[in-house]
């Protein structure tokens, strides 16, 4: 303070209850202060330095509250001055009012600092907090950061209803719900301001202040945080990690390690359960990577099903431990209620000297990752397939016993008609996969005892096409997609989905249709009694030339009769 009389008055009022420190603006230890009191003379004399001081990013969490002692009215001060301060004390004023104003700001500062530590400890330390105190939805107090984020002046907001300040419908809905039950969530919102759009995080909490029940609204501008993040997983995005790779490409960061990761079977999950489940798989994979890596490691979603982990200052021995930890965590994990196994292919590389550039580091890790994927992808997709078949068995009559009997009968008939070993293997796999498309049909339809409605029957008839689509998503099963699509076609052309006729129907599909029909007839269903062997064989004979390939039907009857 420049004015000695103001300084003496303030010291007299506050002495005994508060520790009063004097400091020059050029040498200001902000960590020692809870509040700044300045008079107009000091503000004018050191305006530029003062602006740098109260606005500099190094002040953690929230800017220090600022009180201006002045003999001018608020209207006389102007917006530029008001934007720098939190409260104005016009002198002369009663000492009770001066104490009340300072105590109020200290209380608000303490509450917001405490809450911001709890709520935003995971975000950067220099992100400023916007503070708003509400009484029955009316704005009693805002700090300069709140006004800055909203691009508002104090006169625009004080004593206004908070719901009238925001135009974003999602924010208004959040505030209305929070006023009812004070939820703990802190969602992100997009603000459309005049100068630029901003992303903010908002939290509303009840506080007791001078015997009043008030609401504390805290907002934080997280636009930079959002711009560096992948919107689905919350990990860093590719642009950010590419910039960090360039920044860490210096000698003092050596050794620099990098892990490349690829989630196995994402396309199969997308094709089978839909993209919503595929998104859940990626989110789960991201969480597992975070749990497996160290806090200082930079984890990013590189794109699609790929992730990159940047590990500065880490040698091969340590990165190998992290690699194994990731593998172990994924091996034990499943995805939600579907119990889908999660698998990931990994590769890592280490940059020990400046001779290797970061692109070469990335390429080496990627090559190793693809080598790992070639080894593990088949078993990963097989595990997903098994999970799909188990799920199908749980919600339909396609039991493991049915599939086992089907494979035995199909192989026996295949051998009788002289199939090659490779075709017998394909036939065995077809017996496993033929009804995979039913995984997308509701259980109540698959298990319905009575007659199906027309709409339900139309849905059932889609399962061969769905199954073919699922199979085509995997290079290990795509060679059977046409057989899966055709296993409900009929010899006379009255089948579905494409009305194929005679030898247009793939040979293995013709074999499967006979053995499948026979097993269903002889095993029965909960809603239908089983037929005897003789009755079932009569059905096969009667349908030869209409439903079934007549030559294969004859061979099958011979085989069962022997």
Protein backbone atom coordinates (compact mmCIF):
# COMPACT_ATOMS: atom_id res chain seq x y z
CA UNK A 1 0.00 0.00 0.00
CA UNK A 2 1.22 3.49 -0.85
CA UNK A 3 -1.14 5.48 1.36
CA UNK A 4 0.21 5.40 4.95
CA UNK A 5 -3.11 6.35 6.54
CA UNK A 6 -4.91 3.46 4.79
CA UNK A 7 -2.15 1.11 5.91
CA UNK A 8 -2.41 2.18 9.56
CA UNK A 9 -6.22 1.88 9.58
CA UNK A 10 -6.07 -1.61 8.11
CA UNK A 11 -3.36 -2.80 10.52
CA UNK A 12 -5.33 -1.50 13.48
CA UNK A 13 -8.52 -3.30 12.41
CA UNK A 14 -6.89 -6.66 11.58
CA UNK A 15 -4.03 -6.87 14.09
CA UNK A 16 -4.29 -9.72 16.59
CA UNK A 17 -6.53 -11.95 14.46
CA UNK A 18 -4.46 -12.05 11.27
CA UNK A 19 -0.80 -12.05 10.37
CA UNK A 20 -0.14 -8.98 8.23
CA UNK A 21 2.82 -9.10 5.86
CA UNK A 22 4.09 -6.22 3.78
CA UNK A 23 5.78 -6.86 0.47
CA UNK A 24 7.02 -5.00 -2.55
CA UNK A 25 5.33 -5.92 -5.80
CA UNK A 26 8.69 -6.78 -7.38
CA UNK A 27 9.51 -9.30 -4.65
CA UNK A 28 6.22 -10.99 -3.83
CA UNK A 29 6.31 -14.43 -2.07
CA UNK A 30 2.78 -15.46 -3.07
CA UNK A 31 3.00 -18.77 -1.18
CA UNK A 32 2.92 -16.82 2.14
CA UNK A 33 -0.28 -14.92 1.39
CA UNK A 34 -3.98 -15.81 1.55
CA UNK A 35 -5.28 -12.43 0.40
CA UNK A 36 -3.96 -9.21 -1.15
CA UNK A 37 -5.07 -5.74 -0.02
CA UNK A 38 -4.07 -2.88 -2.28
CA UNK A 39 -4.98 0.78 -2.44
CA UNK A 40 -5.58 2.77 -5.58
CA UNK A 41 -2.26 4.58 -5.41
CA UNK A 42 -0.32 1.32 -5.34
CA UNK A 43 -2.48 -0.12 -8.10
CA UNK A 44 -1.88 2.87 -10.36
CA UNK A 45 1.84 3.07 -9.57
CA UNK A 46 2.54 -0.63 -10.14
CA UNK A 47 -0.34 -1.50 -12.47
CA UNK A 48 1.69 -3.50 -15.00
CA UNK A 49 3.58 -5.45 -12.34
CA UNK A 50 0.41 -5.98 -10.38
CA UNK A 51 -1.40 -7.41 -13.42
CA UNK A 52 1.49 -9.82 -14.00
CA UNK A 53 1.41 -10.81 -10.34
CA UNK A 54 -2.27 -11.56 -9.85
CA UNK A 55 -2.70 -13.16 -13.27
CA UNK A 56 0.46 -15.23 -13.58
CA UNK A 57 -0.06 -18.94 -14.11
CA UNK A 58 2.37 -20.07 -11.40
CA UNK A 59 -0.13 -19.24 -8.64
CA UNK A 60 -1.58 -22.69 -7.96
CA UNK A 61 -5.23 -23.59 -8.41
CA UNK A 62 -6.94 -20.20 -7.86
CA UNK A 63 -5.75 -16.61 -8.05
CA UNK A 64 -5.32 -14.89 -4.69
CA UNK A 65 -8.36 -12.81 -3.65
CA UNK A 66 -7.72 -9.10 -4.10
CA UNK A 67 -9.31 -6.24 -2.12
CA UNK A 68 -9.03 -2.65 -3.35
CA UNK A 69 -9.14 0.20 -0.81
CA UNK A 70 -10.34 3.36 -2.59
CA UNK A 71 -12.25 6.59 -2.12
CA UNK A 72 -13.86 6.17 -5.55
CA UNK A 73 -17.19 4.54 -6.29
CA UNK A 74 -17.41 1.30 -8.29
CA UNK A 75 -18.75 3.21 -11.29
CA UNK A 76 -15.74 5.55 -11.22
CA UNK A 77 -13.20 2.72 -11.19
CA UNK A 78 -13.97 1.30 -14.62
CA UNK A 79 -14.05 -2.28 -15.92
CA UNK A 80 -10.27 -2.67 -16.36
CA UNK A 81 -9.65 -2.11 -12.66
CA UNK A 82 -12.68 -4.15 -11.57
CA UNK A 83 -11.51 -7.11 -13.65
CA UNK A 84 -8.37 -7.33 -11.48
CA UNK A 85 -10.04 -7.33 -8.07
CA UNK A 86 -12.59 -9.31 -6.10
CA UNK A 87 -13.95 -6.72 -3.67
CA UNK A 88 -13.94 -2.93 -3.30
CA UNK A 89 -13.89 -1.17 0.08
CA UNK A 90 -14.81 2.46 -0.25
CA UNK A 91 -13.22 4.66 2.40
CA UNK A 92 -14.22 5.91 4.79
CA UNK A 93 -15.93 2.65 5.91
CA UNK A 94 -16.88 1.18 9.24
CA UNK A 95 -14.27 -1.20 10.61
CA UNK A 96 -16.94 -3.93 10.96
CA UNK A 97 -17.57 -3.77 7.21
CA UNK A 98 -13.86 -3.95 6.42
CA UNK A 99 -13.42 -7.00 8.68
CA UNK A 100 -16.54 -8.63 7.23
CA UNK A 101 -15.33 -8.16 3.63
CA UNK A 102 -11.88 -9.59 4.33
CA UNK A 103 -13.23 -12.51 6.40
CA UNK A 104 -15.70 -13.31 3.63
CA UNK A 105 -12.97 -13.48 0.99
CA UNK A 106 -10.68 -15.56 3.21
CA UNK A 107 -13.52 -17.99 3.89
CA UNK A 108 -14.35 -18.28 0.20
CA UNK A 109 -10.68 -18.72 -0.65
CA UNK A 110 -10.31 -21.49 1.94
CA UNK A 111 -13.44 -23.34 0.81
CA UNK A 112 -12.61 -23.19 -2.89
CA UNK A 113 -8.96 -24.10 -2.42
CA UNK A 114 -9.92 -27.11 -0.30
CA UNK A 115 -12.58 -28.28 -2.74
CA UNK A 116 -10.43 -27.69 -5.78
CA UNK A 117 -7.68 -29.85 -4.25
CA UNK A 118 -10.18 -32.69 -3.85
CA UNK A 119 -11.98 -32.30 -7.16
CA UNK A 120 -9.19 -31.38 -9.56
CA UNK A 121 -6.07 -32.96 -8.11
CA UNK A 122 -5.70 -35.06 -11.28
CA UNK A 123 -5.55 -31.97 -13.50
CA UNK A 124 -2.68 -29.55 -13.98
CA UNK A 125 -1.66 -27.44 -11.00
CA UNK A 126 -1.74 -24.15 -12.90
CA UNK A 127 -5.30 -24.42 -14.22
CA UNK A 128 -7.31 -21.49 -12.81
CA UNK A 129 -10.59 -22.10 -11.01
CA UNK A 130 -13.72 -20.01 -11.56
CA UNK A 131 -15.69 -19.54 -8.34
CA UNK A 132 -19.33 -18.53 -7.92
CA UNK A 133 -21.28 -18.32 -4.63
CA UNK A 134 -25.05 -18.78 -4.99
CA UNK A 135 -27.87 -17.97 -2.60
CA UNK A 136 -31.20 -19.42 -3.78
CA UNK A 137 -29.75 -19.61 -7.30
CA UNK A 138 -28.80 -15.92 -7.21
CA UNK A 139 -25.16 -15.00 -7.74
CA UNK A 140 -23.70 -13.36 -4.61
CA UNK A 141 -20.04 -13.55 -5.55
CA UNK A 142 -17.83 -14.41 -8.52
CA UNK A 143 -14.08 -14.27 -8.89
CA UNK A 144 -12.26 -12.81 -11.86
CA UNK A 145 -11.53 -16.24 -13.38
CA UNK A 146 -15.24 -17.10 -13.45
CA UNK A 147 -15.93 -13.85 -15.31
CA UNK A 148 -13.01 -14.46 -17.67
CA UNK A 149 -14.18 -17.97 -18.60
CA UNK A 150 -17.73 -16.74 -19.29
CA UNK A 151 -16.51 -13.49 -20.90
CA UNK A 152 -18.81 -11.50 -18.62
CA UNK A 153 -18.53 -8.37 -16.48
CA UNK A 154 -19.46 -8.32 -12.79
CA UNK A 155 -22.44 -6.08 -13.45
CA UNK A 156 -23.75 -8.68 -15.93
CA UNK A 157 -23.95 -11.44 -13.34
CA UNK A 158 -24.18 -10.21 -9.73
CA UNK A 159 -27.62 -10.82 -8.17
CA UNK A 160 -28.75 -12.56 -11.38
CA UNK A 161 -30.19 -16.08 -11.44
CA UNK A 162 -27.42 -18.50 -12.42
CA UNK A 163 -29.81 -20.30 -14.78
CA UNK A 164 -30.17 -17.06 -16.77
CA UNK A 165 -26.41 -16.68 -17.19
CA UNK A 166 -25.78 -19.91 -19.11
CA UNK A 167 -27.31 -20.61 -22.51
CA UNK A 168 -26.06 -24.19 -22.79
CA UNK A 169 -29.07 -26.44 -22.15
CA UNK A 170 -26.91 -29.25 -20.75
CA UNK A 171 -25.37 -26.95 -18.14
CA UNK A 172 -28.80 -25.68 -17.11
CA UNK A 173 -30.09 -29.27 -16.74
CA UNK A 174 -27.01 -30.16 -14.68
CA UNK A 175 -27.51 -27.19 -12.35
CA UNK A 176 -31.23 -27.85 -11.93
CA UNK A 177 -30.61 -31.50 -11.00
CA UNK A 178 -27.71 -30.61 -8.73
CA UNK A 179 -29.80 -28.06 -6.83
CA UNK A 180 -32.23 -30.89 -6.08
CA UNK A 181 -29.81 -33.50 -4.78
CA UNK A 182 -26.30 -32.02 -4.99
CA UNK A 183 -24.84 -34.78 -7.14
CA UNK A 184 -21.16 -35.61 -6.92
CA UNK A 185 -20.55 -35.73 -10.67
CA UNK A 186 -18.48 -33.09 -12.45
CA UNK A 187 -19.36 -33.28 -16.15
CA UNK A 188 -17.76 -31.43 -19.05
CA UNK A 189 -19.66 -28.82 -21.04
CA UNK A 190 -19.03 -26.79 -24.14
CA UNK A 191 -19.43 -23.01 -23.80
CA UNK A 192 -20.04 -21.01 -26.96
CA UNK A 193 -18.55 -17.60 -26.17
CA UNK A 194 -18.16 -14.62 -28.46
CA UNK A 195 -14.38 -14.92 -28.87
CA UNK A 196 -13.98 -18.70 -28.83
CA UNK A 197 -15.63 -21.92 -27.71
CA UNK A 198 -14.42 -23.33 -24.40
CA UNK A 199 -14.77 -26.65 -22.61
CA UNK A 200 -15.47 -26.37 -18.90
CA UNK A 201 -15.75 -28.81 -16.01
CA UNK A 202 -18.40 -27.87 -13.45
CA UNK A 203 -19.09 -28.91 -9.85
CA UNK A 204 -21.86 -27.67 -7.57
CA UNK A 205 -21.54 -28.24 -3.82
CA UNK A 206 -23.49 -27.07 -0.74
CA UNK A 207 -21.49 -24.91 1.69
CA UNK A 208 -22.27 -23.29 5.03
CA UNK A 209 -21.06 -19.71 5.12
CA UNK A 210 -21.70 -17.28 8.00
CA UNK A 211 -24.69 -19.35 9.18
CA UNK A 212 -26.20 -19.49 5.69
CA UNK A 213 -26.74 -22.51 3.46
CA UNK A 214 -25.27 -21.54 0.10
CA UNK A 215 -24.14 -23.26 -3.09
CA UNK A 216 -20.61 -23.15 -4.41
CA UNK A 217 -20.26 -23.48 -8.19
CA UNK A 218 -16.72 -24.18 -9.37
CA UNK A 219 -15.88 -24.15 -13.06
CA UNK A 220 -12.59 -24.88 -14.75
CA UNK A 221 -11.54 -24.13 -18.31
CA UNK A 222 -10.29 -27.51 -19.56
CA UNK A 223 -10.12 -26.63 -23.26
CA UNK A 224 -6.40 -27.41 -23.50
CA UNK A 225 -6.89 -30.62 -21.51
CA UNK A 226 -9.70 -31.69 -23.88
CA UNK A 227 -7.77 -30.78 -27.03
CA UNK A 228 -4.94 -33.12 -26.00
CA UNK A 229 -7.26 -36.03 -25.17
CA UNK A 230 -8.96 -38.80 -27.09
CA UNK A 231 -12.70 -38.25 -26.71
CA UNK A 232 -13.54 -41.94 -26.23
CA UNK A 233 -10.86 -43.25 -23.87
CA UNK A 234 -9.69 -40.06 -22.16
CA UNK A 235 -6.08 -40.95 -22.99
CA UNK A 236 -3.80 -38.54 -24.81
CA UNK A 237 -4.50 -38.31 -28.53
CA UNK A 238 -2.10 -38.96 -31.39
CA UNK A 239 -1.33 -35.27 -32.04
CA UNK A 240 -0.27 -34.76 -28.42
CA UNK A 241 1.95 -37.85 -28.25
CA UNK A 242 3.64 -36.98 -31.56
CA UNK A 243 4.52 -33.56 -30.13
CA UNK A 244 5.79 -35.18 -26.94
CA UNK A 245 7.93 -37.62 -28.94
CA UNK A 246 9.63 -34.63 -30.57
CA UNK A 247 10.04 -32.89 -27.21
CA UNK A 248 11.57 -35.97 -25.56
CA UNK A 249 13.95 -36.53 -28.47
CA UNK A 250 16.90 -35.05 -26.54
CA UNK A 251 19.99 -36.64 -25.03
CA UNK A 252 19.05 -36.03 -21.37
CA UNK A 253 15.86 -38.15 -21.84
CA UNK A 254 17.79 -41.23 -22.98
CA UNK A 255 17.10 -44.08 -22.86
CA UNK A 256 13.69 -43.41 -24.42
CA UNK A 257 11.36 -46.41 -24.64
CA UNK A 258 8.14 -46.86 -26.57
CA UNK A 259 5.45 -49.56 -26.46
CA UNK A 260 3.06 -50.09 -29.39
CA UNK A 261 -0.19 -51.93 -28.61
CA UNK A 262 -3.06 -53.28 -30.72
CA UNK A 263 -6.32 -54.68 -29.30
CA UNK A 264 -7.01 -58.10 -30.81
CA UNK A 265 -10.45 -58.93 -32.21
CA UNK A 266 -11.99 -55.43 -32.17
CA UNK A 267 -13.54 -55.85 -35.63
CA UNK A 268 -15.11 -59.16 -34.60
CA UNK A 269 -16.60 -57.58 -31.47
CA UNK A 270 -17.90 -54.62 -33.52
CA UNK A 271 -19.46 -56.93 -36.10
CA UNK A 272 -20.96 -59.29 -33.54
CA UNK A 273 -22.12 -57.05 -30.71
CA UNK A 274 -22.11 -53.65 -32.39
CA UNK A 275 -19.86 -50.60 -32.14
CA UNK A 276 -21.11 -49.69 -28.66
CA UNK A 277 -19.55 -52.90 -27.31
CA UNK A 278 -16.45 -52.22 -29.41
CA UNK A 279 -16.15 -48.80 -27.76
CA UNK A 280 -16.47 -50.44 -24.34
CA UNK A 281 -13.64 -52.79 -25.31
CA UNK A 282 -11.39 -49.84 -26.21
CA UNK A 283 -12.26 -48.01 -22.97
CA UNK A 284 -11.51 -51.16 -20.94
CA UNK A 285 -8.21 -51.61 -22.79
CA UNK A 286 -7.28 -47.99 -22.03
CA UNK A 287 -7.99 -48.50 -18.31
CA UNK A 288 -5.90 -51.68 -18.25
CA UNK A 289 -2.98 -49.84 -19.86
CA UNK A 290 -3.26 -47.06 -17.26
CA UNK A 291 -3.32 -49.62 -14.44
CA UNK A 292 -0.28 -51.41 -15.90
CA UNK A 293 1.94 -48.40 -16.53
CA UNK A 294 3.58 -45.90 -14.20
CA UNK A 295 1.99 -42.55 -13.43
CA UNK A 296 4.69 -40.67 -15.35
CA UNK A 297 4.30 -42.76 -18.54
CA UNK A 298 2.47 -41.07 -21.43
CA UNK A 299 -0.30 -43.31 -22.79
CA UNK A 300 -2.13 -42.38 -25.98
CA UNK A 301 -4.70 -43.76 -28.36
CA UNK A 302 -2.82 -43.81 -31.64
CA UNK A 303 -5.91 -44.52 -33.73
CA UNK A 304 -8.53 -47.25 -34.19
CA UNK A 305 -7.47 -50.17 -32.03
CA UNK A 306 -3.85 -49.01 -31.56
CA UNK A 307 -2.20 -47.38 -28.54
CA UNK A 308 1.27 -45.92 -27.93
CA UNK A 309 3.02 -45.65 -24.56
CA UNK A 310 6.01 -43.29 -24.29
CA UNK A 311 8.41 -44.07 -21.42
CA UNK A 312 11.20 -41.47 -21.06
CA UNK A 313 14.32 -42.43 -19.12
CA UNK A 314 13.42 -46.13 -19.10
CA UNK A 315 15.84 -48.87 -20.16
CA UNK A 316 15.09 -52.26 -21.69
CA UNK A 317 15.00 -54.10 -18.36
CA UNK A 318 12.27 -51.90 -16.87
CA UNK A 319 10.21 -51.61 -20.05
CA UNK A 320 10.24 -55.41 -20.29
CA UNK A 321 8.71 -55.58 -16.79
CA UNK A 322 5.98 -53.14 -17.81
CA UNK A 323 5.43 -55.15 -21.00
CA UNK A 324 4.89 -58.33 -18.99
CA UNK A 325 2.61 -56.55 -16.51
CA UNK A 326 0.40 -55.33 -19.37
CA UNK A 327 0.21 -58.86 -20.79
CA UNK A 328 -0.68 -60.35 -17.40
CA UNK A 329 -3.38 -57.77 -16.69
CA UNK A 330 -5.00 -58.28 -20.09
CA UNK A 331 -4.82 -62.07 -19.77
CA UNK A 332 -6.90 -61.95 -16.58
CA UNK A 333 -9.42 -59.37 -17.83
CA UNK A 334 -12.84 -59.78 -19.41
CA UNK A 335 -15.33 -57.28 -20.75
CA UNK A 336 -18.39 -56.73 -18.57
CA UNK A 337 -21.43 -58.97 -18.45
CA UNK A 338 -20.56 -60.59 -21.77
CA UNK A 339 -17.39 -62.08 -20.24
CA UNK A 340 -15.59 -61.41 -23.50
CA UNK A 341 -11.86 -62.13 -23.22
CA UNK A 342 -9.57 -59.16 -23.86
CA UNK A 343 -6.28 -59.63 -25.65
CA UNK A 344 -3.62 -57.20 -26.79
CA UNK A 345 -0.61 -57.47 -29.10
CA UNK A 346 2.49 -55.60 -27.94
CA UNK A 347 5.88 -54.54 -29.22
CA UNK A 348 8.49 -52.29 -27.67
CA UNK A 349 11.69 -50.55 -28.71
CA UNK A 350 14.38 -48.59 -26.84
CA UNK A 351 16.31 -45.56 -28.12
CA UNK A 352 19.72 -45.56 -26.43
CA UNK A 353 21.57 -43.02 -28.57
CA UNK A 354 20.68 -39.92 -30.56
CA UNK A 355 21.56 -41.78 -33.78
CA UNK A 356 18.10 -43.40 -33.85
CA UNK A 357 15.24 -40.97 -34.56
CA UNK A 358 11.79 -41.33 -33.02
CA UNK A 359 10.22 -42.53 -36.28
CA UNK A 360 12.68 -45.43 -36.37
CA UNK A 361 11.83 -46.13 -32.72
CA UNK A 362 8.13 -46.21 -33.55
CA UNK A 363 8.66 -48.40 -36.62
CA UNK A 364 10.69 -50.94 -34.62
CA UNK A 365 8.03 -51.17 -31.91
CA UNK A 366 5.30 -51.48 -34.56
CA UNK A 367 7.11 -54.32 -36.37
CA UNK A 368 7.50 -56.25 -33.11
CA UNK A 369 3.86 -55.62 -32.27
CA UNK A 370 2.72 -57.07 -35.62
CA UNK A 371 4.97 -60.10 -35.07
CA UNK A 372 3.26 -60.60 -31.71
CA UNK A 373 -0.17 -60.10 -33.30
CA UNK A 374 0.46 -62.79 -35.90
CA UNK A 375 1.20 -65.25 -33.09
CA UNK A 376 -1.66 -64.29 -30.76
CA UNK A 377 -4.43 -63.04 -33.03
CA UNK A 378 -5.75 -66.47 -33.97
CA UNK A 379 -6.08 -67.67 -30.38
CA UNK A 380 -7.56 -64.31 -29.33
CA UNK A 381 -10.26 -64.53 -31.99
CA UNK A 382 -10.83 -68.17 -31.11
CA UNK A 383 -11.39 -67.13 -27.48
CA UNK A 384 -13.86 -64.45 -28.58
CA UNK A 385 -15.58 -67.01 -30.78
CA UNK A 386 -15.84 -69.44 -27.88
CA UNK A 387 -17.33 -66.68 -25.72
CA UNK A 388 -19.86 -65.98 -28.49
CA UNK A 389 -20.79 -69.65 -28.74
CA UNK A 390 -21.14 -69.91 -24.96
CA UNK A 391 -23.39 -66.86 -24.99
CA UNK A 392 -25.44 -68.43 -27.78
CA UNK A 393 -25.78 -71.66 -25.81
CA UNK A 394 -26.99 -69.72 -22.77
CA UNK A 395 -29.81 -68.02 -24.65
CA UNK A 396 -30.86 -70.69 -27.18
CA UNK A 397 -31.08 -74.43 -27.72
CA UNK A 398 -27.66 -74.55 -29.44
CA UNK A 399 -26.03 -76.57 -26.66
CA UNK A 400 -22.46 -77.87 -26.64
CA UNK A 401 -23.88 -81.40 -26.93
CA UNK A 402 -25.75 -80.41 -30.10
CA UNK A 403 -22.56 -78.98 -31.63
CA UNK A 404 -20.55 -82.05 -30.60
CA UNK A 405 -23.10 -84.43 -32.18
CA UNK A 406 -23.29 -82.25 -35.27
CA UNK A 407 -19.51 -82.38 -35.76
CA UNK A 408 -19.44 -86.17 -35.34
CA UNK A 409 -22.24 -86.72 -37.87
CA UNK A 410 -20.83 -84.18 -40.33
CA UNK A 411 -17.32 -85.69 -40.25
CA UNK A 412 -18.74 -89.19 -40.64
CA UNK A 413 -20.79 -88.16 -43.68
CA UNK A 414 -17.86 -86.16 -45.08
CA UNK A 415 -15.62 -89.21 -44.87
CA UNK A 416 -18.31 -91.36 -46.54
CA UNK A 417 -18.49 -89.02 -49.54
CA UNK A 418 -14.68 -88.76 -49.79
CA UNK A 419 -13.88 -85.25 -48.54
CA UNK A 420 -10.22 -84.27 -48.24
CA UNK A 421 -8.60 -83.74 -44.83
CA UNK A 422 -8.68 -79.94 -45.29
CA UNK A 423 -12.38 -80.00 -46.23
CA UNK A 424 -13.12 -82.20 -43.21
CA UNK A 425 -11.43 -79.57 -41.02
CA UNK A 426 -13.52 -76.85 -42.66
CA UNK A 427 -16.68 -78.92 -42.15
CA UNK A 428 -15.87 -79.39 -38.46
CA UNK A 429 -15.38 -75.63 -38.05
CA UNK A 430 -18.61 -74.97 -39.97
CA UNK A 431 -20.49 -77.18 -37.50
CA UNK A 432 -19.13 -74.93 -34.75
CA UNK A 433 -19.91 -71.63 -36.45
CA UNK A 434 -23.01 -72.17 -38.56
CA UNK A 435 -25.45 -70.48 -36.13
CA UNK A 436 -23.11 -67.76 -34.87
CA UNK A 437 -25.44 -65.15 -36.37
CA UNK A 438 -28.07 -66.03 -33.75
CA UNK A 439 -26.01 -64.18 -31.14
CA UNK A 440 -27.74 -60.99 -32.31
CA UNK A 441 -31.26 -62.41 -31.87
CA UNK A 442 -33.03 -61.84 -28.51
CA UNK A 443 -33.19 -64.89 -26.22
CA UNK A 444 -36.99 -64.65 -25.88
CA UNK A 445 -37.33 -65.26 -29.62
CA UNK A 446 -34.76 -68.07 -29.76
CA UNK A 447 -36.43 -69.91 -26.85
CA UNK A 448 -40.04 -69.17 -27.78
CA UNK A 449 -42.11 -72.35 -27.45
CA UNK A 450 -45.10 -71.29 -29.56
CA UNK A 451 -45.42 -70.16 -33.15
CA UNK A 452 -43.26 -67.21 -34.12
CA UNK A 453 -44.80 -63.92 -35.22
CA UNK A 454 -44.05 -62.89 -38.80
CA UNK A 455 -41.64 -60.18 -37.62
CA UNK A 456 -39.87 -62.67 -35.33
CA UNK A 457 -39.54 -65.18 -38.16
CA UNK A 458 -38.06 -62.50 -40.42
CA UNK A 459 -35.48 -61.77 -37.72
CA UNK A 460 -34.61 -65.48 -37.43
CA UNK A 461 -34.12 -65.68 -41.19
CA UNK A 462 -31.43 -63.01 -41.02
CA UNK A 463 -29.05 -65.08 -38.90
CA UNK A 464 -27.23 -66.78 -41.84
CA UNK A 465 -26.35 -63.35 -43.30
CA UNK A 466 -25.32 -62.06 -39.88
CA UNK A 467 -23.20 -65.14 -39.26
CA UNK A 468 -21.46 -64.75 -42.62
CA UNK A 469 -20.70 -61.12 -41.80
CA UNK A 470 -19.23 -62.07 -38.44
CA UNK A 471 -17.09 -64.79 -40.01
CA UNK A 472 -15.84 -62.43 -42.72
CA UNK A 473 -14.49 -60.09 -40.01
CA UNK A 474 -11.80 -62.65 -39.20
CA UNK A 475 -9.27 -63.92 -41.71
CA UNK A 476 -9.32 -67.23 -39.80
CA UNK A 477 -13.03 -67.79 -40.48
CA UNK A 478 -13.76 -65.73 -43.59
CA UNK A 479 -13.23 -68.77 -45.86
CA UNK A 480 -16.46 -70.23 -44.40
CA UNK A 481 -18.65 -67.16 -44.80
CA UNK A 482 -20.49 -68.49 -47.89
CA UNK A 483 -21.16 -71.88 -46.26
CA UNK A 484 -22.53 -70.13 -43.15
CA UNK A 485 -24.68 -67.88 -45.33
CA UNK A 486 -26.07 -70.89 -47.23
CA UNK A 487 -26.79 -73.51 -44.57
CA UNK A 488 -30.57 -72.81 -44.70
CA UNK A 489 -30.84 -72.88 -48.49
CA UNK A 490 -32.95 -75.69 -50.01
CA UNK A 491 -32.24 -77.93 -52.98
CA UNK A 492 -35.49 -76.76 -54.67
CA UNK A 493 -34.62 -73.05 -54.26
CA UNK A 494 -37.21 -72.28 -51.55
CA UNK A 495 -34.66 -71.68 -48.79
CA UNK A 496 -33.17 -68.47 -47.41
CA UNK A 497 -31.56 -65.98 -47.53
CA UNK A 498 -30.77 -66.01 -51.28
CA UNK A 499 -33.00 -68.76 -52.69
CA UNK A 500 -30.05 -70.74 -54.09
CA UNK A 501 -30.94 -73.92 -55.95
CA UNK A 502 -29.28 -77.32 -56.42
CA UNK A 503 -25.52 -77.21 -56.86
CA UNK A 504 -25.49 -73.42 -56.44
CA UNK A 505 -25.51 -74.22 -52.72
CA UNK A 506 -21.96 -74.79 -51.36
CA UNK A 507 -21.28 -78.51 -50.88
CA UNK A 508 -20.35 -78.30 -47.18
CA UNK A 509 -23.53 -76.32 -46.46
CA UNK A 510 -25.58 -79.10 -48.12
CA UNK A 511 -23.93 -81.69 -45.83
CA UNK A 512 -24.52 -79.57 -42.73
CA UNK A 513 -28.21 -78.95 -43.49
CA UNK A 514 -28.90 -82.71 -43.47
CA UNK A 515 -27.03 -83.58 -40.27
CA UNK A 516 -28.41 -80.49 -38.50
CA UNK A 517 -32.00 -81.41 -39.38
CA UNK A 518 -31.48 -85.01 -38.26
CA UNK A 519 -29.98 -84.04 -34.89
CA UNK A 520 -32.77 -81.52 -34.17
CA UNK A 521 -35.40 -84.16 -34.99
CA UNK A 522 -33.85 -86.91 -32.86
CA UNK A 523 -32.75 -84.73 -29.92
CA UNK A 524 -35.98 -82.76 -29.79
CA UNK A 525 -36.60 -79.33 -28.33
CA UNK A 526 -38.27 -78.26 -25.04
CA UNK A 527 -41.41 -77.50 -27.06
CA UNK A 528 -41.22 -80.59 -29.32
CA UNK A 529 -40.81 -84.29 -28.56
CA UNK A 530 -37.91 -86.10 -30.30
CA UNK A 531 -38.50 -88.48 -33.21
CA UNK A 532 -37.15 -92.01 -33.33
CA UNK A 533 -34.22 -92.78 -35.63
CA UNK A 534 -36.56 -94.44 -38.13
CA UNK A 535 -39.00 -91.50 -38.11
CA UNK A 536 -36.18 -89.02 -38.64
CA UNK A 537 -34.66 -91.04 -41.51
CA UNK A 538 -38.11 -91.19 -43.18
CA UNK A 539 -38.24 -87.37 -43.02
CA UNK A 540 -34.80 -87.18 -44.64
CA UNK A 541 -35.91 -89.55 -47.45
CA UNK A 542 -39.18 -87.66 -47.98
CA UNK A 543 -37.35 -84.32 -48.25
CA UNK A 544 -34.61 -85.60 -50.60
CA UNK A 545 -34.78 -83.58 -53.82
CA UNK A 546 -36.83 -80.78 -52.22
CA UNK A 547 -35.04 -79.67 -49.05
CA UNK A 548 -31.91 -81.80 -49.30
CA UNK A 549 -29.38 -82.79 -51.96
CA UNK A 550 -30.85 -86.20 -53.02
CA UNK A 551 -27.45 -87.87 -53.42
CA UNK A 552 -26.22 -86.69 -50.00
CA UNK A 553 -29.55 -87.61 -48.40
CA UNK A 554 -29.22 -91.15 -49.75
CA UNK A 555 -25.63 -91.45 -48.46
CA UNK A 556 -26.69 -90.15 -45.04
CA UNK A 557 -29.56 -92.64 -44.71
CA UNK A 558 -27.16 -95.45 -45.65
CA UNK A 559 -24.64 -94.24 -43.07
CA UNK A 560 -27.17 -94.09 -40.20
CA UNK A 561 -28.82 -97.37 -41.19
CA UNK A 562 -25.53 -99.33 -41.23
